[in-house]
Amino acid sequence: MTRLTQIFIAALFISALFMPACNNKTDAGQSGRVTATGNADIGGPFELVDQDGQPFSHQDLLGQPHLVYFGFAYCPDVCPLALQQMGAALSTVDKDASFFLPVFISVDPERDTPKALKSYVQNNGFPKGLIGLTGSLEQIETAKAAYKIYSNKVEDPASAGDYTVDHASLIFLMDETGKFRDVFTHNTTTEEITARLRKFKKSGR
C-alpha cells in the first residue's frame, strides 16, 4: 500500500482534510500528513450520462485502467488545476491516450448539462479524451457515495441565486476491473502523479 493510499484511508474518517472550497485559493483543505492502514472500498455501480447525452455506467469503465475526478465546470481554480495535472501526467505516461481512461464526474448537475460538459472537457491542458459525466441529483449522489466523495452546495450571499460547490479534490486511480489502486490529493505534485502512473502502467498495481 502506498503512502498516498494510507493518507486517503485516514481521510475517510477525517473528512475535513480534503474539503477544499473551489472559490478559496489560499487555505482550502490544507493539512499535515496522517497515516493509516487498511483497504479502501472505493468505486461501485452508477448510471449517468456523458457529454454527448448517452447513457454511461460503471460497466463502461471496465476493461481499461481509469482516472476519476469529481468536480464542476464552474469551479474557478481547484478543478482546472487537478485536471491539468492529470493531463500533464498522462501526456507523459500515455501519449497516445490508449492506456488510461480519464473521467470527470460533475457534482453540480444543476448547471453541468451534457452540453456544458462537452465544451468543458475540451479545455486546453485537460486530458486527451476526457469523458464528462452528469445526471440527476440522485444519480450524482449514488456516484459520490460509491467513491466516498464529499460535496456541498454553498449559496453566495453577495449574489442572489448564485452558488459554488465545496468538494473533495481527489483523483482516483482505478484498475481495469474497477478496483481502487491509489489516490492523488490537491497536495500531490504532477511529478508524483506521473511517477505513480508510470509504475502502474508497468506493473498493473
N, C-alpha and C. Protein backbone atom coordinates (compact mmCIF):
# COMPACT_ATOMS: atom_id res chain seq x y z
N MET A 1 0.84 -1.19 0.00
CA MET A 1 0.00 0.00 0.00
C MET A 1 0.88 1.24 0.00
N THR A 2 0.59 2.20 -0.91
CA THR A 2 1.40 3.40 -0.99
C THR A 2 1.05 4.38 0.13
N ARG A 3 1.92 5.33 0.34
CA ARG A 3 1.68 6.33 1.38
C ARG A 3 0.44 7.17 1.06
N LEU A 4 0.22 7.48 -0.24
CA LEU A 4 -0.95 8.24 -0.62
C LEU A 4 -2.23 7.48 -0.33
N THR A 5 -2.20 6.16 -0.54
CA THR A 5 -3.37 5.35 -0.21
C THR A 5 -3.64 5.39 1.28
N GLN A 6 -2.60 5.31 2.08
CA GLN A 6 -2.75 5.39 3.52
C GLN A 6 -3.36 6.72 3.93
N ILE A 7 -2.90 7.79 3.31
CA ILE A 7 -3.43 9.11 3.62
C ILE A 7 -4.93 9.17 3.30
N PHE A 8 -5.30 8.59 2.14
CA PHE A 8 -6.71 8.65 1.74
C PHE A 8 -7.61 7.88 2.68
N ILE A 9 -7.16 6.70 3.09
CA ILE A 9 -7.98 5.90 4.00
C ILE A 9 -8.21 6.64 5.31
N ALA A 10 -7.18 7.29 5.80
CA ALA A 10 -7.35 8.09 7.02
C ALA A 10 -8.32 9.23 6.77
N ALA A 11 -8.29 9.79 5.56
CA ALA A 11 -9.15 10.93 5.24
C ALA A 11 -10.62 10.55 5.20
N LEU A 12 -10.92 9.28 4.99
CA LEU A 12 -12.30 8.84 5.03
C LEU A 12 -12.91 9.09 6.41
N PHE A 13 -12.07 9.08 7.42
CA PHE A 13 -12.52 9.29 8.79
C PHE A 13 -12.25 10.70 9.28
N ILE A 14 -11.38 11.41 8.57
CA ILE A 14 -11.08 12.80 8.95
C ILE A 14 -11.37 13.63 7.71
N SER A 15 -12.65 13.72 7.34
CA SER A 15 -13.03 14.27 6.04
C SER A 15 -12.64 15.72 5.86
N ALA A 16 -12.44 16.43 6.93
CA ALA A 16 -12.08 17.84 6.80
C ALA A 16 -10.75 18.03 6.11
N LEU A 17 -9.94 16.99 6.06
CA LEU A 17 -8.64 17.11 5.42
C LEU A 17 -8.76 17.37 3.93
N PHE A 18 -9.85 16.92 3.32
CA PHE A 18 -9.97 17.00 1.87
C PHE A 18 -11.28 17.67 1.48
N MET A 19 -11.55 18.88 2.00
CA MET A 19 -12.76 19.61 1.64
C MET A 19 -12.39 21.01 1.18
N PRO A 20 -11.67 21.16 0.07
CA PRO A 20 -11.32 22.48 -0.40
C PRO A 20 -12.49 23.18 -1.05
N ALA A 21 -12.73 24.45 -0.68
CA ALA A 21 -13.75 25.23 -1.35
C ALA A 21 -13.19 25.71 -2.67
N CYS A 22 -13.95 25.53 -3.74
CA CYS A 22 -13.42 25.85 -5.07
C CYS A 22 -13.22 27.34 -5.25
N ASN A 23 -13.79 28.18 -4.38
CA ASN A 23 -13.57 29.60 -4.53
C ASN A 23 -12.54 30.12 -3.55
N ASN A 24 -11.76 29.23 -2.93
CA ASN A 24 -10.74 29.64 -1.97
C ASN A 24 -9.39 29.19 -2.47
N LYS A 25 -8.52 30.14 -2.81
CA LYS A 25 -7.24 29.82 -3.41
C LYS A 25 -6.11 29.72 -2.39
N THR A 26 -6.39 30.00 -1.14
CA THR A 26 -5.30 30.13 -0.18
C THR A 26 -5.17 28.96 0.76
N ASP A 27 -6.18 28.74 1.61
CA ASP A 27 -6.00 27.75 2.67
C ASP A 27 -6.96 26.57 2.57
N ALA A 28 -7.56 26.37 1.42
CA ALA A 28 -8.56 25.31 1.29
C ALA A 28 -7.96 23.95 1.48
N GLY A 29 -8.50 23.23 2.47
CA GLY A 29 -8.15 21.82 2.62
C GLY A 29 -6.72 21.55 2.99
N GLN A 30 -5.98 22.51 3.52
CA GLN A 30 -4.60 22.26 3.88
C GLN A 30 -4.52 21.48 5.18
N SER A 31 -3.57 20.57 5.27
CA SER A 31 -3.44 19.75 6.47
C SER A 31 -2.08 19.11 6.50
N GLY A 32 -1.73 18.55 7.65
CA GLY A 32 -0.49 17.81 7.76
C GLY A 32 -0.69 16.38 7.30
N ARG A 33 0.41 15.61 7.32
CA ARG A 33 0.34 14.21 6.89
C ARG A 33 -0.21 13.33 8.01
N VAL A 34 -1.05 12.38 7.61
CA VAL A 34 -1.52 11.36 8.54
C VAL A 34 -1.40 10.02 7.84
N THR A 35 -1.34 8.95 8.61
CA THR A 35 -1.26 7.63 8.01
C THR A 35 -2.23 6.68 8.69
N ALA A 36 -2.61 5.65 7.95
CA ALA A 36 -3.48 4.61 8.49
C ALA A 36 -3.26 3.37 7.66
N THR A 37 -3.82 2.26 8.11
CA THR A 37 -3.70 1.02 7.34
C THR A 37 -5.09 0.47 7.07
N GLY A 38 -5.18 -0.39 6.06
CA GLY A 38 -6.46 -0.98 5.71
C GLY A 38 -6.70 -0.89 4.23
N ASN A 39 -7.89 -1.34 3.76
CA ASN A 39 -8.24 -1.30 2.36
C ASN A 39 -9.38 -0.32 2.14
N ALA A 40 -9.26 0.49 1.10
CA ALA A 40 -10.30 1.47 0.80
C ALA A 40 -11.34 0.86 -0.13
N ASP A 41 -12.60 0.90 0.28
CA ASP A 41 -13.69 0.37 -0.54
C ASP A 41 -14.21 1.51 -1.41
N ILE A 42 -13.52 1.74 -2.52
CA ILE A 42 -13.81 2.87 -3.39
C ILE A 42 -14.27 2.36 -4.75
N GLY A 43 -15.29 3.02 -5.30
CA GLY A 43 -15.83 2.63 -6.60
C GLY A 43 -17.06 1.76 -6.44
N GLY A 44 -17.84 1.69 -7.50
CA GLY A 44 -19.06 0.88 -7.45
C GLY A 44 -20.05 1.31 -8.51
N PRO A 45 -21.24 0.74 -8.48
CA PRO A 45 -22.23 0.99 -9.53
C PRO A 45 -22.71 2.44 -9.58
N PHE A 46 -22.90 2.94 -10.78
CA PHE A 46 -23.55 4.22 -11.00
C PHE A 46 -24.11 4.22 -12.43
N GLU A 47 -25.09 5.08 -12.67
CA GLU A 47 -25.66 5.26 -14.00
C GLU A 47 -25.79 6.75 -14.26
N LEU A 48 -25.03 7.25 -15.23
CA LEU A 48 -25.01 8.67 -15.55
C LEU A 48 -25.18 8.84 -17.06
N VAL A 49 -24.95 10.06 -17.56
CA VAL A 49 -24.92 10.31 -19.00
C VAL A 49 -23.63 11.05 -19.32
N ASP A 50 -23.09 10.84 -20.52
CA ASP A 50 -21.85 11.50 -20.88
C ASP A 50 -22.11 12.84 -21.57
N GLN A 51 -21.05 13.47 -22.04
CA GLN A 51 -21.17 14.80 -22.63
C GLN A 51 -21.93 14.81 -23.95
N ASP A 52 -22.18 13.64 -24.50
CA ASP A 52 -22.99 13.53 -25.71
C ASP A 52 -24.43 13.15 -25.40
N GLY A 53 -24.75 13.08 -24.11
CA GLY A 53 -26.11 12.74 -23.70
C GLY A 53 -26.41 11.26 -23.75
N GLN A 54 -25.36 10.44 -23.88
CA GLN A 54 -25.53 9.00 -23.96
C GLN A 54 -25.39 8.35 -22.59
N PRO A 55 -26.16 7.29 -22.31
CA PRO A 55 -26.04 6.60 -21.01
C PRO A 55 -24.61 6.10 -20.81
N PHE A 56 -24.14 6.21 -19.59
CA PHE A 56 -22.79 5.77 -19.24
C PHE A 56 -22.83 5.26 -17.80
N SER A 57 -22.38 4.03 -17.61
CA SER A 57 -22.38 3.45 -16.27
C SER A 57 -20.99 2.97 -15.89
N HIS A 58 -20.84 2.48 -14.67
CA HIS A 58 -19.57 1.94 -14.21
C HIS A 58 -19.09 0.78 -15.09
N GLN A 59 -20.03 0.11 -15.73
CA GLN A 59 -19.66 -1.00 -16.61
C GLN A 59 -18.83 -0.52 -17.80
N ASP A 60 -19.05 0.71 -18.22
CA ASP A 60 -18.33 1.26 -19.36
C ASP A 60 -16.87 1.57 -19.03
N LEU A 61 -16.52 1.53 -17.75
CA LEU A 61 -15.14 1.79 -17.34
C LEU A 61 -14.31 0.50 -17.29
N LEU A 62 -14.98 -0.62 -17.25
CA LEU A 62 -14.28 -1.88 -17.07
C LEU A 62 -13.51 -2.27 -18.33
N GLY A 63 -12.37 -2.90 -18.11
CA GLY A 63 -11.52 -3.32 -19.22
C GLY A 63 -10.39 -2.37 -19.50
N GLN A 64 -10.38 -1.20 -18.83
CA GLN A 64 -9.33 -0.22 -19.04
C GLN A 64 -9.05 0.51 -17.73
N PRO A 65 -7.79 0.66 -17.32
CA PRO A 65 -7.50 1.44 -16.12
C PRO A 65 -8.04 2.86 -16.30
N HIS A 66 -8.55 3.46 -15.24
CA HIS A 66 -9.15 4.77 -15.38
C HIS A 66 -8.81 5.69 -14.20
N LEU A 67 -8.84 6.97 -14.50
CA LEU A 67 -8.63 8.02 -13.52
C LEU A 67 -9.94 8.78 -13.38
N VAL A 68 -10.43 8.91 -12.15
CA VAL A 68 -11.74 9.51 -11.91
C VAL A 68 -11.59 10.74 -11.02
N TYR A 69 -12.17 11.85 -11.48
CA TYR A 69 -12.15 13.10 -10.70
C TYR A 69 -13.56 13.67 -10.61
N PHE A 70 -13.96 14.07 -9.41
CA PHE A 70 -15.25 14.72 -9.18
C PHE A 70 -15.04 16.23 -9.05
N GLY A 71 -15.81 17.00 -9.80
CA GLY A 71 -15.70 18.45 -9.72
C GLY A 71 -16.87 19.09 -10.43
N PHE A 72 -16.72 20.35 -10.87
CA PHE A 72 -17.80 21.01 -11.60
C PHE A 72 -17.23 22.08 -12.52
N ALA A 73 -17.94 22.34 -13.60
CA ALA A 73 -17.42 23.18 -14.66
C ALA A 73 -17.24 24.64 -14.25
N TYR A 74 -18.01 25.11 -13.25
CA TYR A 74 -17.89 26.50 -12.81
C TYR A 74 -16.80 26.68 -11.76
N CYS A 75 -16.13 25.62 -11.38
CA CYS A 75 -15.05 25.68 -10.40
C CYS A 75 -13.93 26.56 -10.95
N PRO A 76 -13.54 27.62 -10.23
CA PRO A 76 -12.60 28.59 -10.80
C PRO A 76 -11.14 28.18 -10.79
N ASP A 77 -10.73 27.31 -9.85
CA ASP A 77 -9.30 27.04 -9.78
C ASP A 77 -8.94 25.60 -9.41
N VAL A 78 -9.57 25.03 -8.39
CA VAL A 78 -9.19 23.71 -7.91
C VAL A 78 -9.38 22.64 -8.98
N CYS A 79 -10.54 22.62 -9.61
CA CYS A 79 -10.82 21.59 -10.63
C CYS A 79 -9.92 21.73 -11.86
N PRO A 80 -9.80 22.93 -12.43
CA PRO A 80 -8.90 23.05 -13.58
C PRO A 80 -7.47 22.64 -13.26
N LEU A 81 -7.00 22.97 -12.07
CA LEU A 81 -5.63 22.60 -11.70
C LEU A 81 -5.48 21.08 -11.64
N ALA A 82 -6.43 20.40 -11.01
CA ALA A 82 -6.36 18.94 -10.91
C ALA A 82 -6.42 18.30 -12.29
N LEU A 83 -7.28 18.79 -13.15
CA LEU A 83 -7.41 18.20 -14.48
C LEU A 83 -6.20 18.51 -15.36
N GLN A 84 -5.59 19.67 -15.15
CA GLN A 84 -4.36 19.99 -15.88
C GLN A 84 -3.20 19.12 -15.40
N GLN A 85 -3.17 18.84 -14.10
CA GLN A 85 -2.15 17.93 -13.58
C GLN A 85 -2.35 16.54 -14.17
N MET A 86 -3.59 16.09 -14.21
CA MET A 86 -3.88 14.79 -14.80
C MET A 86 -3.47 14.77 -16.27
N GLY A 87 -3.80 15.85 -16.98
CA GLY A 87 -3.46 15.93 -18.38
C GLY A 87 -1.96 15.92 -18.62
N ALA A 88 -1.22 16.66 -17.78
CA ALA A 88 0.24 16.71 -17.92
C ALA A 88 0.86 15.35 -17.67
N ALA A 89 0.38 14.66 -16.63
CA ALA A 89 0.92 13.34 -16.31
C ALA A 89 0.61 12.34 -17.42
N LEU A 90 -0.61 12.37 -17.92
CA LEU A 90 -1.00 11.43 -18.97
C LEU A 90 -0.27 11.71 -20.28
N SER A 91 0.02 12.97 -20.56
CA SER A 91 0.72 13.30 -21.80
C SER A 91 2.13 12.73 -21.79
N THR A 92 2.66 12.47 -20.60
CA THR A 92 3.99 11.87 -20.48
C THR A 92 3.93 10.34 -20.46
N VAL A 93 3.00 9.81 -19.69
CA VAL A 93 2.92 8.37 -19.47
C VAL A 93 2.12 7.65 -20.54
N ASP A 94 1.11 8.32 -21.09
CA ASP A 94 0.18 7.68 -22.02
C ASP A 94 -0.05 8.62 -23.21
N LYS A 95 0.99 8.85 -23.97
CA LYS A 95 0.97 9.87 -25.01
C LYS A 95 -0.10 9.66 -26.06
N ASP A 96 -0.41 8.42 -26.39
CA ASP A 96 -1.43 8.17 -27.41
C ASP A 96 -2.81 7.96 -26.81
N ALA A 97 -2.94 8.21 -25.49
CA ALA A 97 -4.23 8.14 -24.79
C ALA A 97 -4.94 6.82 -25.03
N SER A 98 -4.19 5.73 -24.96
CA SER A 98 -4.77 4.42 -25.22
C SER A 98 -4.81 3.52 -23.98
N PHE A 99 -4.08 3.89 -22.94
CA PHE A 99 -3.98 3.02 -21.77
C PHE A 99 -4.94 3.42 -20.67
N PHE A 100 -4.87 4.67 -20.23
CA PHE A 100 -5.75 5.17 -19.16
C PHE A 100 -6.97 5.88 -19.74
N LEU A 101 -8.10 5.73 -19.06
CA LEU A 101 -9.33 6.43 -19.44
C LEU A 101 -9.59 7.53 -18.40
N PRO A 102 -9.49 8.80 -18.76
CA PRO A 102 -9.74 9.89 -17.82
C PRO A 102 -11.22 10.25 -17.74
N VAL A 103 -11.74 10.41 -16.53
CA VAL A 103 -13.17 10.63 -16.33
C VAL A 103 -13.40 11.79 -15.37
N PHE A 104 -14.31 12.67 -15.73
CA PHE A 104 -14.71 13.81 -14.89
C PHE A 104 -16.19 13.65 -14.56
N ILE A 105 -16.52 13.53 -13.27
CA ILE A 105 -17.92 13.39 -12.84
C ILE A 105 -18.35 14.66 -12.14
N SER A 106 -19.42 15.28 -12.62
CA SER A 106 -19.89 16.54 -12.06
C SER A 106 -20.56 16.35 -10.70
N VAL A 107 -20.30 17.30 -9.80
CA VAL A 107 -21.03 17.35 -8.53
C VAL A 107 -22.03 18.52 -8.57
N ASP A 108 -22.25 19.05 -9.76
CA ASP A 108 -23.15 20.20 -9.95
C ASP A 108 -24.08 19.93 -11.13
N PRO A 109 -24.95 18.91 -11.02
CA PRO A 109 -25.80 18.55 -12.15
C PRO A 109 -26.79 19.64 -12.53
N GLU A 110 -27.05 20.56 -11.62
CA GLU A 110 -27.99 21.65 -11.91
C GLU A 110 -27.49 22.51 -13.07
N ARG A 111 -26.18 22.75 -13.12
CA ARG A 111 -25.61 23.59 -14.19
C ARG A 111 -24.84 22.78 -15.22
N ASP A 112 -24.28 21.66 -14.80
CA ASP A 112 -23.44 20.87 -15.70
C ASP A 112 -24.27 19.92 -16.55
N THR A 113 -24.87 20.48 -17.57
CA THR A 113 -25.61 19.68 -18.55
C THR A 113 -24.61 18.97 -19.46
N PRO A 114 -25.05 17.97 -20.20
CA PRO A 114 -24.14 17.34 -21.17
C PRO A 114 -23.52 18.37 -22.12
N LYS A 115 -24.31 19.34 -22.58
CA LYS A 115 -23.80 20.36 -23.49
C LYS A 115 -22.70 21.18 -22.84
N ALA A 116 -22.88 21.55 -21.56
CA ALA A 116 -21.87 22.33 -20.85
C ALA A 116 -20.59 21.51 -20.67
N LEU A 117 -20.75 20.23 -20.35
CA LEU A 117 -19.58 19.37 -20.15
C LEU A 117 -18.85 19.10 -21.45
N LYS A 118 -19.58 19.03 -22.56
CA LYS A 118 -18.95 18.77 -23.86
C LYS A 118 -17.93 19.85 -24.18
N SER A 119 -18.27 21.08 -23.84
CA SER A 119 -17.33 22.19 -24.05
C SER A 119 -16.21 22.17 -23.01
N TYR A 120 -16.58 21.88 -21.77
CA TYR A 120 -15.62 21.95 -20.66
C TYR A 120 -14.49 20.94 -20.81
N VAL A 121 -14.80 19.71 -21.16
CA VAL A 121 -13.77 18.66 -21.19
C VAL A 121 -12.75 18.87 -22.31
N GLN A 122 -13.03 19.81 -23.21
CA GLN A 122 -12.11 20.08 -24.31
C GLN A 122 -11.14 21.22 -24.01
N ASN A 123 -11.14 21.71 -22.77
CA ASN A 123 -10.25 22.80 -22.40
C ASN A 123 -8.79 22.41 -22.60
N ASN A 124 -7.98 23.37 -22.99
CA ASN A 124 -6.55 23.15 -23.17
C ASN A 124 -5.90 22.67 -21.88
N GLY A 125 -5.06 21.67 -21.99
CA GLY A 125 -4.35 21.14 -20.83
C GLY A 125 -5.06 20.01 -20.13
N PHE A 126 -6.36 19.85 -20.42
CA PHE A 126 -7.10 18.75 -19.82
C PHE A 126 -6.71 17.44 -20.52
N PRO A 127 -6.92 16.29 -19.89
CA PRO A 127 -6.54 15.02 -20.51
C PRO A 127 -7.19 14.81 -21.88
N LYS A 128 -6.44 14.27 -22.79
CA LYS A 128 -6.97 13.93 -24.10
C LYS A 128 -8.01 12.82 -23.94
N GLY A 129 -9.17 13.01 -24.56
CA GLY A 129 -10.23 12.01 -24.47
C GLY A 129 -10.98 12.02 -23.16
N LEU A 130 -10.88 13.12 -22.39
CA LEU A 130 -11.58 13.21 -21.09
C LEU A 130 -13.08 13.04 -21.28
N ILE A 131 -13.67 12.13 -20.50
CA ILE A 131 -15.11 11.87 -20.54
C ILE A 131 -15.78 12.67 -19.42
N GLY A 132 -16.80 13.45 -19.78
CA GLY A 132 -17.56 14.20 -18.79
C GLY A 132 -18.87 13.50 -18.50
N LEU A 133 -19.19 13.34 -17.21
CA LEU A 133 -20.40 12.63 -16.82
C LEU A 133 -21.26 13.49 -15.91
N THR A 134 -22.56 13.44 -16.12
CA THR A 134 -23.51 14.14 -15.27
C THR A 134 -24.78 13.30 -15.18
N GLY A 135 -25.82 13.86 -14.58
CA GLY A 135 -27.06 13.10 -14.42
C GLY A 135 -28.00 13.84 -13.49
N SER A 136 -28.98 13.14 -12.97
CA SER A 136 -29.88 13.74 -11.99
C SER A 136 -29.15 13.87 -10.65
N LEU A 137 -29.72 14.65 -9.76
CA LEU A 137 -29.11 14.80 -8.43
C LEU A 137 -28.99 13.45 -7.75
N GLU A 138 -30.01 12.61 -7.88
CA GLU A 138 -29.98 11.30 -7.25
C GLU A 138 -28.88 10.42 -7.85
N GLN A 139 -28.71 10.48 -9.15
CA GLN A 139 -27.67 9.69 -9.80
C GLN A 139 -26.27 10.15 -9.38
N ILE A 140 -26.10 11.46 -9.27
CA ILE A 140 -24.81 12.00 -8.82
C ILE A 140 -24.53 11.58 -7.39
N GLU A 141 -25.55 11.60 -6.54
CA GLU A 141 -25.35 11.19 -5.15
C GLU A 141 -24.95 9.73 -5.06
N THR A 142 -25.49 8.91 -5.93
CA THR A 142 -25.11 7.49 -5.96
C THR A 142 -23.64 7.34 -6.33
N ALA A 143 -23.20 8.08 -7.35
CA ALA A 143 -21.80 8.02 -7.77
C ALA A 143 -20.88 8.54 -6.68
N LYS A 144 -21.27 9.62 -6.03
CA LYS A 144 -20.48 10.18 -4.92
C LYS A 144 -20.35 9.16 -3.79
N ALA A 145 -21.45 8.51 -3.47
CA ALA A 145 -21.42 7.52 -2.39
C ALA A 145 -20.49 6.36 -2.74
N ALA A 146 -20.47 5.96 -4.00
CA ALA A 146 -19.61 4.85 -4.42
C ALA A 146 -18.14 5.19 -4.22
N TYR A 147 -17.78 6.46 -4.45
CA TYR A 147 -16.39 6.88 -4.33
C TYR A 147 -16.10 7.62 -3.03
N LYS A 148 -17.06 7.63 -2.12
CA LYS A 148 -16.90 8.27 -0.81
C LYS A 148 -16.51 9.74 -0.95
N ILE A 149 -17.17 10.43 -1.88
CA ILE A 149 -16.86 11.81 -2.18
C ILE A 149 -17.79 12.76 -1.42
N TYR A 150 -17.18 13.80 -0.86
CA TYR A 150 -17.93 14.88 -0.20
C TYR A 150 -18.13 16.03 -1.18
N SER A 151 -19.35 16.60 -1.20
CA SER A 151 -19.58 17.87 -1.86
C SER A 151 -20.77 18.54 -1.20
N ASN A 152 -20.81 19.87 -1.28
CA ASN A 152 -21.88 20.61 -0.63
C ASN A 152 -22.12 21.92 -1.38
N LYS A 153 -23.36 22.15 -1.77
CA LYS A 153 -23.73 23.39 -2.44
C LYS A 153 -23.72 24.52 -1.44
N VAL A 154 -23.06 25.63 -1.79
CA VAL A 154 -22.93 26.78 -0.89
C VAL A 154 -23.45 28.02 -1.60
N GLU A 155 -24.53 28.59 -1.09
CA GLU A 155 -25.11 29.79 -1.68
C GLU A 155 -24.18 30.98 -1.47
N ASP A 156 -24.14 31.87 -2.46
CA ASP A 156 -23.34 33.08 -2.38
C ASP A 156 -24.20 34.21 -1.84
N PRO A 157 -23.94 34.67 -0.59
CA PRO A 157 -24.79 35.71 0.00
C PRO A 157 -24.71 37.04 -0.74
N ALA A 158 -23.65 37.23 -1.51
CA ALA A 158 -23.46 38.50 -2.23
C ALA A 158 -24.19 38.53 -3.57
N SER A 159 -24.69 37.38 -4.00
CA SER A 159 -25.34 37.31 -5.31
C SER A 159 -26.53 36.36 -5.23
N ALA A 160 -27.72 36.90 -5.31
CA ALA A 160 -28.93 36.11 -5.19
C ALA A 160 -28.99 35.03 -6.27
N GLY A 161 -29.14 33.79 -5.84
CA GLY A 161 -29.28 32.69 -6.77
C GLY A 161 -27.97 32.08 -7.22
N ASP A 162 -26.85 32.74 -6.94
CA ASP A 162 -25.56 32.19 -7.34
C ASP A 162 -25.03 31.28 -6.24
N TYR A 163 -24.17 30.36 -6.60
CA TYR A 163 -23.63 29.43 -5.62
C TYR A 163 -22.33 28.82 -6.13
N THR A 164 -21.59 28.23 -5.21
CA THR A 164 -20.44 27.41 -5.56
C THR A 164 -20.65 26.04 -4.96
N VAL A 165 -19.70 25.14 -5.15
CA VAL A 165 -19.82 23.80 -4.59
C VAL A 165 -18.49 23.45 -3.92
N ASP A 166 -18.52 23.31 -2.61
CA ASP A 166 -17.35 22.78 -1.90
C ASP A 166 -17.28 21.29 -2.18
N HIS A 167 -16.08 20.79 -2.43
CA HIS A 167 -15.98 19.35 -2.70
C HIS A 167 -14.56 18.85 -2.46
N ALA A 168 -14.45 17.57 -2.23
CA ALA A 168 -13.14 16.94 -2.07
C ALA A 168 -12.45 16.90 -3.42
N SER A 169 -11.20 17.34 -3.46
CA SER A 169 -10.44 17.34 -4.71
C SER A 169 -9.50 16.13 -4.72
N LEU A 170 -9.96 15.05 -5.34
CA LEU A 170 -9.23 13.79 -5.34
C LEU A 170 -9.26 13.16 -6.73
N ILE A 171 -8.13 12.65 -7.17
CA ILE A 171 -8.06 11.88 -8.41
C ILE A 171 -7.87 10.42 -8.03
N PHE A 172 -8.82 9.57 -8.42
CA PHE A 172 -8.74 8.16 -8.08
C PHE A 172 -8.11 7.37 -9.23
N LEU A 173 -7.16 6.52 -8.91
CA LEU A 173 -6.59 5.59 -9.87
C LEU A 173 -7.27 4.24 -9.65
N MET A 174 -7.98 3.78 -10.68
CA MET A 174 -8.71 2.51 -10.62
C MET A 174 -8.14 1.59 -11.69
N ASP A 175 -8.09 0.28 -11.40
CA ASP A 175 -7.58 -0.63 -12.41
C ASP A 175 -8.69 -1.04 -13.38
N GLU A 176 -8.36 -1.94 -14.31
CA GLU A 176 -9.30 -2.31 -15.36
C GLU A 176 -10.50 -3.09 -14.85
N THR A 177 -10.44 -3.60 -13.62
CA THR A 177 -11.57 -4.31 -13.03
C THR A 177 -12.44 -3.40 -12.18
N GLY A 178 -12.05 -2.13 -12.06
CA GLY A 178 -12.77 -1.19 -11.22
C GLY A 178 -12.30 -1.18 -9.78
N LYS A 179 -11.15 -1.83 -9.52
CA LYS A 179 -10.61 -1.85 -8.17
C LYS A 179 -9.76 -0.62 -7.90
N PHE A 180 -9.97 -0.03 -6.73
CA PHE A 180 -9.20 1.14 -6.31
C PHE A 180 -7.73 0.77 -6.12
N ARG A 181 -6.85 1.60 -6.71
CA ARG A 181 -5.42 1.35 -6.59
C ARG A 181 -4.67 2.48 -5.89
N ASP A 182 -5.10 3.72 -6.07
CA ASP A 182 -4.39 4.83 -5.41
C ASP A 182 -5.22 6.09 -5.52
N VAL A 183 -4.77 7.14 -4.84
CA VAL A 183 -5.47 8.42 -4.88
C VAL A 183 -4.45 9.54 -4.85
N PHE A 184 -4.76 10.61 -5.57
CA PHE A 184 -3.93 11.81 -5.59
C PHE A 184 -4.75 12.96 -5.04
N THR A 185 -4.20 13.70 -4.12
CA THR A 185 -4.91 14.80 -3.48
C THR A 185 -4.46 16.14 -4.06
N HIS A 186 -5.03 17.23 -3.55
CA HIS A 186 -4.66 18.56 -4.01
C HIS A 186 -3.23 18.91 -3.62
N ASN A 187 -2.62 18.11 -2.76
CA ASN A 187 -1.23 18.34 -2.38
C ASN A 187 -0.24 17.51 -3.20
N THR A 188 -0.74 16.61 -4.04
CA THR A 188 0.13 15.77 -4.85
C THR A 188 0.68 16.56 -6.03
N THR A 189 1.96 16.45 -6.31
CA THR A 189 2.55 17.17 -7.43
C THR A 189 2.34 16.40 -8.73
N THR A 190 2.46 17.12 -9.83
CA THR A 190 2.36 16.48 -11.14
C THR A 190 3.41 15.41 -11.31
N GLU A 191 4.60 15.67 -10.79
CA GLU A 191 5.69 14.70 -10.89
C GLU A 191 5.37 13.42 -10.13
N GLU A 192 4.73 13.55 -8.98
CA GLU A 192 4.34 12.38 -8.20
C GLU A 192 3.25 11.58 -8.91
N ILE A 193 2.30 12.29 -9.51
CA ILE A 193 1.25 11.60 -10.27
C ILE A 193 1.87 10.84 -11.44
N THR A 194 2.77 11.51 -12.15
CA THR A 194 3.41 10.90 -13.31
C THR A 194 4.17 9.64 -12.92
N ALA A 195 4.93 9.72 -11.84
CA ALA A 195 5.72 8.58 -11.38
C ALA A 195 4.82 7.40 -11.00
N ARG A 196 3.71 7.70 -10.33
CA ARG A 196 2.80 6.62 -9.91
C ARG A 196 2.11 5.98 -11.11
N LEU A 197 1.69 6.78 -12.07
CA LEU A 197 1.05 6.22 -13.25
C LEU A 197 2.02 5.40 -14.08
N ARG A 198 3.25 5.85 -14.15
CA ARG A 198 4.27 5.08 -14.87
C ARG A 198 4.49 3.72 -14.21
N LYS A 199 4.53 3.73 -12.88
CA LYS A 199 4.70 2.48 -12.15
C LYS A 199 3.51 1.55 -12.36
N PHE A 200 2.30 2.13 -12.32
CA PHE A 200 1.12 1.29 -12.52
C PHE A 200 1.08 0.72 -13.94
N LYS A 201 1.42 1.53 -14.91
CA LYS A 201 1.39 1.07 -16.30
C LYS A 201 2.36 -0.10 -16.50
N LYS A 202 3.47 -0.07 -15.76
CA LYS A 202 4.46 -1.12 -15.89
C LYS A 202 4.06 -2.39 -15.13
N SER A 203 3.51 -2.21 -13.93
CA SER A 203 3.25 -3.37 -13.06
C SER A 203 1.78 -3.78 -12.96
N GLY A 204 0.87 -2.86 -13.28
CA GLY A 204 -0.55 -3.15 -13.11
C GLY A 204 -1.04 -3.04 -11.68
N ARG A 205 -0.16 -2.49 -10.81
CA ARG A 205 -0.50 -2.36 -9.39
C ARG A 205 -0.14 -0.97 -8.89
